[in-house]
Amino acid sequence: MSSASTLYLGYNAGSTGSFSLIGGAAGSGNLYLGYNAGSAGNYLLSGTASLTTENSEFIGYSGLANFNQTGGTNNSFGDSGNLFYLAYGTSSTATYSLSGGGALIADGGEFIGWAGTALFNQSGGTNTIGAGDSLTVSYVGATALTAMRGHAMGPPFFTQSRAG
């Protein structure tokens, strides 16, 4: 897959897309799970696999999304508005589960619940935010829950909750 491409998992209403990366590497310009309302996208990242997204990751753009990371590395290299979003649209419901030896690296910052309903569940692994970037929980009227236990959070760490 070309790193300049866009990967959609679950594009139209009624569609479901799934992708499992157990080893090796995959790259994308943008990643969308659950693009339109009524669609669903699922991603499994495990083992020694490496996913690199050069722009933005939308885990739940307007639909339903589940990203399960039990190992490997998820590199989200965003800048100038290219970020990691969990539950982006108001109709989105998204879950990100990070466990085992998995590493999530959000170089442009993270939004857990941009406008939808988000759950970030971390029971292991590391979640690292880029220098000068932030972790924002529940941005524009979103419902967001973070459950972090037995985890490591890379600096800097900033949590913001804002309505409206």
Protein backbone atom coordinates (compact mmCIF):
# COMPACT_ATOMS: atom_id res chain seq x y z
CA MET A 1 0.00 0.00 0.00
CA SER A 2 1.39 3.38 -0.95
CA SER A 3 1.87 5.79 1.92
CA ALA A 4 0.19 8.48 -0.21
CA SER A 5 -3.04 6.47 -0.40
CA THR A 6 -6.11 6.60 1.81
CA LEU A 7 -7.43 3.45 3.49
CA TYR A 8 -11.17 3.25 4.20
CA LEU A 9 -12.54 0.37 6.29
CA GLY A 10 -16.35 0.58 6.21
CA TYR A 11 -17.24 3.31 3.72
CA ASN A 12 -20.99 3.31 2.92
CA ALA A 13 -23.93 2.73 5.25
CA GLY A 14 -24.41 -1.01 5.72
CA SER A 15 -20.80 -1.85 4.88
CA THR A 16 -18.18 -3.33 7.20
CA GLY A 17 -14.45 -3.34 6.54
CA SER A 18 -11.84 -5.19 8.57
CA PHE A 19 -8.06 -5.35 8.41
CA SER A 20 -5.62 -7.42 10.48
CA LEU A 21 -1.92 -6.59 10.57
CA ILE A 22 -0.04 -9.25 12.54
CA GLY A 23 3.48 -8.73 11.21
CA GLY A 24 5.23 -6.63 8.63
CA ALA A 25 4.36 -3.04 7.81
CA ALA A 26 1.53 -1.06 6.25
CA GLY A 27 1.30 2.62 5.45
CA SER A 28 -1.38 5.10 4.51
CA GLY A 29 -1.75 8.82 3.91
CA ASN A 30 -5.04 8.87 5.86
CA LEU A 31 -6.87 6.08 7.68
CA TYR A 32 -10.66 6.06 8.08
CA LEU A 33 -12.56 3.43 10.08
CA GLY A 34 -16.35 3.74 9.82
CA TYR A 35 -16.41 6.57 7.29
CA ASN A 36 -20.15 7.22 6.76
CA ALA A 37 -22.97 6.87 9.29
CA GLY A 38 -24.17 3.27 9.35
CA SER A 39 -20.78 1.86 8.31
CA ALA A 40 -18.34 -0.07 10.50
CA GLY A 41 -14.56 -0.43 10.44
CA ASN A 42 -12.34 -2.79 12.41
CA TYR A 43 -8.56 -2.88 12.68
CA LEU A 44 -6.38 -5.38 14.53
CA LEU A 45 -2.71 -4.52 15.07
CA SER A 46 -0.61 -7.13 16.84
CA GLY A 47 2.68 -8.97 17.01
CA THR A 48 5.59 -6.98 15.59
CA ALA A 49 3.52 -5.18 12.95
CA SER A 50 3.97 -1.49 12.16
CA LEU A 51 1.26 0.84 10.87
CA THR A 52 2.34 4.31 9.70
CA THR A 53 -0.19 7.02 8.84
CA GLU A 54 1.41 10.14 7.38
CA ASN A 55 -1.60 12.44 7.81
CA SER A 56 -4.64 11.77 9.99
CA GLU A 57 -6.18 8.68 11.58
CA PHE A 58 -9.95 8.81 12.02
CA ILE A 59 -11.05 5.89 14.18
CA GLY A 60 -14.79 6.42 13.78
CA TYR A 61 -15.26 9.23 11.27
CA SER A 62 -19.07 9.12 11.17
CA GLY A 63 -19.74 5.41 11.73
CA LEU A 64 -18.81 2.64 14.14
CA ALA A 65 -15.14 1.77 14.65
CA ASN A 66 -13.02 -0.60 16.71
CA PHE A 67 -9.23 -0.55 16.78
CA ASN A 68 -7.68 -3.34 18.82
CA GLN A 69 -3.92 -3.06 19.37
CA THR A 70 -2.32 -5.89 21.32
CA GLY A 71 1.21 -5.34 20.03
CA GLY A 72 3.13 -3.65 17.28
CA THR A 73 3.42 0.09 16.65
CA ASN A 74 0.82 2.55 15.41
CA ASN A 75 2.68 5.65 14.14
CA SER A 76 0.32 8.56 13.47
CA PHE A 77 2.53 11.34 12.12
CA GLY A 78 0.29 14.37 11.84
CA ASP A 79 1.03 18.06 11.71
CA SER A 80 -0.95 21.23 11.02
CA GLY A 81 -4.32 19.69 11.83
CA ASN A 82 -3.37 16.14 10.83
CA LEU A 83 -4.02 14.29 14.04
CA PHE A 84 -5.28 11.10 15.69
CA TYR A 85 -9.07 11.27 16.15
CA LEU A 86 -11.24 8.79 18.05
CA ALA A 87 -14.99 9.34 17.34
CA TYR A 88 -14.71 12.31 15.00
CA GLY A 89 -18.28 12.89 13.76
CA THR A 90 -21.39 13.36 15.89
CA SER A 91 -22.82 10.04 14.66
CA SER A 92 -19.60 8.11 15.35
CA THR A 93 -18.98 5.58 18.11
CA ALA A 94 -15.40 4.41 18.44
CA THR A 95 -13.27 2.24 20.70
CA TYR A 96 -9.48 2.00 20.83
CA SER A 97 -8.04 -0.79 22.98
CA LEU A 98 -4.31 -0.71 23.69
CA SER A 99 -2.76 -3.64 25.53
CA GLY A 100 0.26 -5.94 25.71
CA GLY A 101 3.40 -4.43 24.25
CA GLY A 102 1.60 -2.14 21.80
CA ALA A 103 2.87 1.39 21.14
CA LEU A 104 0.64 4.22 19.93
CA ILE A 105 2.66 7.26 18.83
CA ALA A 106 0.52 10.30 18.00
CA ASP A 107 3.03 12.84 16.78
CA GLY A 108 0.40 15.50 16.03
CA GLY A 109 -1.72 15.05 19.17
CA GLU A 110 -4.81 13.03 20.09
CA PHE A 111 -8.50 13.79 20.34
CA ILE A 112 -10.43 11.17 22.32
CA GLY A 113 -13.99 12.11 21.41
CA TRP A 114 -13.94 14.97 18.88
CA ALA A 115 -17.74 15.10 18.52
CA GLY A 116 -18.91 11.48 18.88
CA THR A 117 -18.84 8.80 21.56
CA ALA A 118 -15.36 7.48 22.33
CA LEU A 119 -13.77 4.91 24.60
CA PHE A 120 -10.00 4.66 24.93
CA ASN A 121 -9.10 1.60 26.99
CA GLN A 122 -5.43 1.13 27.85
CA SER A 123 -4.41 -1.86 29.94
CA GLY A 124 -0.81 -2.04 28.73
CA GLY A 125 1.59 -0.71 26.17
CA THR A 126 2.54 2.94 25.70
CA ASN A 127 0.69 5.97 24.38
CA THR A 128 3.09 8.74 23.38
CA ILE A 129 2.05 12.25 22.33
CA GLY A 130 4.42 14.37 20.23
CA ALA A 131 6.45 17.14 21.84
CA GLY A 132 4.39 20.32 22.05
CA ASP A 133 1.15 18.45 21.25
CA SER A 134 -1.71 17.47 23.53
CA LEU A 135 -4.25 14.84 24.48
CA THR A 136 -7.76 16.28 24.42
CA VAL A 137 -10.65 14.33 25.92
CA SER A 138 -14.24 15.26 24.92
CA TYR A 139 -13.89 18.18 22.54
CA VAL A 140 -17.07 19.46 20.81
CA GLY A 141 -19.96 18.04 22.81
CA ALA A 142 -18.48 14.55 22.65
CA THR A 143 -18.92 11.78 25.16
CA ALA A 144 -15.52 10.33 25.99
CA LEU A 145 -14.15 7.88 28.51
CA THR A 146 -10.54 6.94 29.05
CA ALA A 147 -9.64 3.91 31.12
CA MET A 148 -5.90 3.64 31.70
CA ARG A 149 -4.37 1.10 34.04
CA GLY A 150 -0.93 -0.41 34.09
CA HIS A 151 0.13 1.95 31.32
CA ALA A 152 2.85 4.36 30.38
CA MET A 153 1.96 7.77 28.98
CA GLY A 154 4.74 9.64 27.24
CA PRO A 155 5.16 13.37 27.91
CA PRO A 156 3.88 15.94 27.45
CA PHE A 157 0.50 15.12 28.97
CA PHE A 158 -2.36 17.59 28.87
CA THR A 159 -6.02 16.78 29.26
CA GLN A 160 -8.75 19.19 28.31
CA SER A 161 -12.49 18.82 28.43
CA ARG A 162 -14.66 21.42 26.79
CA ALA A 163 -18.27 21.61 25.73
CA GLY A 164 -19.76 23.19 22.72
